[in-house]
C-alpha atoms as a PDB file:
ATOM      1  CA  MET A   1     -11.536 -14.281   0.968  1.00  0.00           C
ATOM      2  CA  LYS A   2     -10.075 -12.851  -2.637  1.00  0.00           C
ATOM      3  CA  LYS A   3      -7.834 -10.789  -3.432  1.00  0.00           C
ATOM      4  CA  PRO A   4      -8.950  -7.541  -5.776  1.00  0.00           C
ATOM      5  CA  THR A   5      -7.735  -8.206  -9.334  1.00  0.00           C
ATOM      6  CA  ALA A   6      -7.577  -5.663 -11.621  1.00  0.00           C
ATOM      7  CA  HIS A   7      -9.041  -5.829 -14.738  1.00  0.00           C
ATOM      8  CA  ARG A   8      -7.064  -5.296 -18.385  1.00  0.00           C
ATOM      9  CA  LEU A   9      -9.068  -3.851 -21.465  1.00  0.00           C
ATOM     10  CA  ARG A  10      -7.410  -3.769 -24.853  1.00  0.00           C
ATOM     11  CA  ARG A  11      -8.089  -0.241 -25.865  1.00  0.00           C
ATOM     12  CA  ARG A  12      -6.822   1.728 -29.130  1.00  0.00           C
ATOM     13  CA  TYR A  13      -5.816   5.123 -29.444  1.00  0.00           C
ATOM     14  CA  VAL A  14      -6.130   7.268 -33.356  1.00  0.00           C
ATOM     15  CA  ASN A  15      -3.823  10.070 -33.661  1.00  0.00           C
ATOM     16  CA  LEU A  16      -5.691  12.121 -36.885  1.00  0.00           C
ATOM     17  CA  GLU A  17      -3.985  15.276 -35.821  1.00  0.00           C
ATOM     18  CA  HIS A  18      -0.886  16.120 -34.325  1.00  0.00           C
ATOM     19  CA  PRO A  19       2.712  14.774 -35.494  1.00  0.00           C
ATOM     20  CA  LEU A  20       3.793  11.996 -33.222  1.00  0.00           C
ATOM     21  CA  VAL A  21       1.417  10.956 -29.610  1.00  0.00           C
ATOM     22  CA  LEU A  22       3.413   9.415 -26.612  1.00  0.00           C
ATOM     23  CA  LEU A  23       0.664   7.649 -24.789  1.00  0.00           C
ATOM     24  CA  ARG A  24       1.668   7.976 -21.022  1.00  0.00           C
ATOM     25  CA  PHE A  25       1.330   4.804 -18.563  1.00  0.00           C
ATOM     26  CA  GLU A  26       1.054   5.177 -14.820  1.00  0.00           C
ATOM     27  CA  ASP A  27       4.226   2.345 -14.243  1.00  0.00           C
ATOM     28  CA  GLY A  28       6.488   4.700 -16.959  1.00  0.00           C
ATOM     29  CA  HIS A  29       5.992   3.116 -20.176  1.00  0.00           C
ATOM     30  CA  GLU A  30       5.249   4.957 -23.371  1.00  0.00           C
ATOM     31  CA  ILE A  31       4.357   4.328 -26.966  1.00  0.00           C
ATOM     32  CA  ARG A  32       4.494   6.339 -30.060  1.00  0.00           C
ATOM     33  CA  VAL A  33       2.091   6.867 -32.450  1.00  0.00           C
ATOM     34  CA  THR A  34       2.201   9.220 -35.477  1.00  0.00           C
ATOM     35  CA  LYS A  35       0.215  10.754 -37.374  1.00  0.00           C
ATOM     36  CA  GLY A  36      -2.442   8.978 -39.404  1.00  0.00           C
ATOM     37  CA  GLN A  37      -2.448   5.334 -37.416  1.00  0.00           C
ATOM     38  CA  GLY A  38      -3.451   4.093 -35.329  1.00  0.00           C
ATOM     39  CA  LYS A  39      -2.762   1.833 -31.778  1.00  0.00           C
ATOM     40  CA  ALA A  40      -3.938  -1.076 -29.747  1.00  0.00           C
ATOM     41  CA  PHE A  41      -2.709  -1.191 -25.930  1.00  0.00           C
ATOM     42  CA  ASP A  42      -3.954  -2.725 -22.548  1.00  0.00           C
ATOM     43  CA  ALA A  43      -4.196  -1.670 -19.851  1.00  0.00           C
ATOM     44  CA  TYR A  44      -6.091  -1.114 -16.401  1.00  0.00           C
ATOM     45  CA  ALA A  45      -9.562  -0.669 -15.731  1.00  0.00           C
ATOM     46  CA  GLY A  46      -9.230   2.809 -13.995  1.00  0.00           C
ATOM     47  CA  GLU A  47      -5.371   3.560 -14.599  1.00  0.00           C
ATOM     48  CA  THR A  48      -5.224   6.543 -15.765  1.00  0.00           C
ATOM     49  CA  ILE A  49      -3.549   7.188 -19.495  1.00  0.00           C
ATOM     50  CA  LYS A  50      -1.906  10.699 -20.575  1.00  0.00           C
ATOM     51  CA  ILE A  51      -1.389  11.568 -24.038  1.00  0.00           C
ATOM     52  CA  ILE A  52       1.608  14.373 -24.884  1.00  0.00           C
ATOM     53  CA  ALA A  53       1.981  15.387 -28.810  1.00  0.00           C
ATOM     54  CA  ILE A  54       5.514  15.927 -29.561  1.00  0.00           C
ATOM     55  CA  TYR A  55       5.545  18.293 -32.839  1.00  0.00           C
ATOM     56  CA  ASP A  56      10.068  18.030 -32.930  1.00  0.00           C
ATOM     57  CA  PRO A  57      11.146  15.746 -31.830  1.00  0.00           C
ATOM     58  CA  THR A  58      14.956  16.766 -31.814  1.00  0.00           C
ATOM     59  CA  SER A  59      13.499  19.155 -29.305  1.00  0.00           C
ATOM     60  CA  ALA A  60      12.103  18.162 -25.199  1.00  0.00           C
ATOM     61  CA  GLU A  61      10.032  20.449 -26.022  1.00  0.00           C
ATOM     62  CA  ARG A  62       6.381  18.173 -25.421  1.00  0.00           C
ATOM     63  CA  GLN A  63       2.755  19.939 -24.685  1.00  0.00           C
ATOM     64  CA  VAL A  64       0.163  17.601 -22.508  1.00  0.00           C
ATOM     65  CA  LEU A  65      -2.998  16.835 -24.512  1.00  0.00           C
ATOM     66  CA  ASP A  66      -4.847  15.586 -22.819  1.00  0.00           C
ATOM     67  CA  SER A  67      -5.233  13.004 -19.163  1.00  0.00           C
ATOM     68  CA  ARG A  68      -8.027   9.820 -19.184  1.00  0.00           C
ATOM     69  CA  ARG A  69      -9.166   7.348 -17.686  1.00  0.00           C
ATOM     70  CA  ALA A  70      -8.839   3.160 -19.349  1.00  0.00           C
ATOM     71  CA  GLU A  71     -12.507   3.352 -19.712  1.00  0.00           C
ATOM     72  CA  ALA A  72     -12.582   6.979 -21.887  1.00  0.00           C
ATOM     73  CA  PHE A  73     -10.643   5.417 -25.010  1.00  0.00           C
ATOM     74  CA  ASP A  74     -12.005   3.059 -27.798  1.00  0.00           C
ATOM     75  CA  PRO A  75     -11.985  -0.542 -27.866  1.00  0.00           C
ATOM     76  CA  ALA A  76      -9.996  -2.555 -29.410  1.00  0.00           C
END
């Protein structure tokens, strides 16, 4: 019997609204995307990614904008 395999997806996110956005993945790693830029990343099918806005980098205050599955992001 075969083990189930997770399918890796190549996705991208473009930040057009907030000064700094943080993409936080289930395994704990984070990708920072500054305003006006986009980043491509690998994620597994079914993985949940939180989109968090940071308005003041010196403050610990963060605002969760959205939580999406990897499939909901645009393909890279």
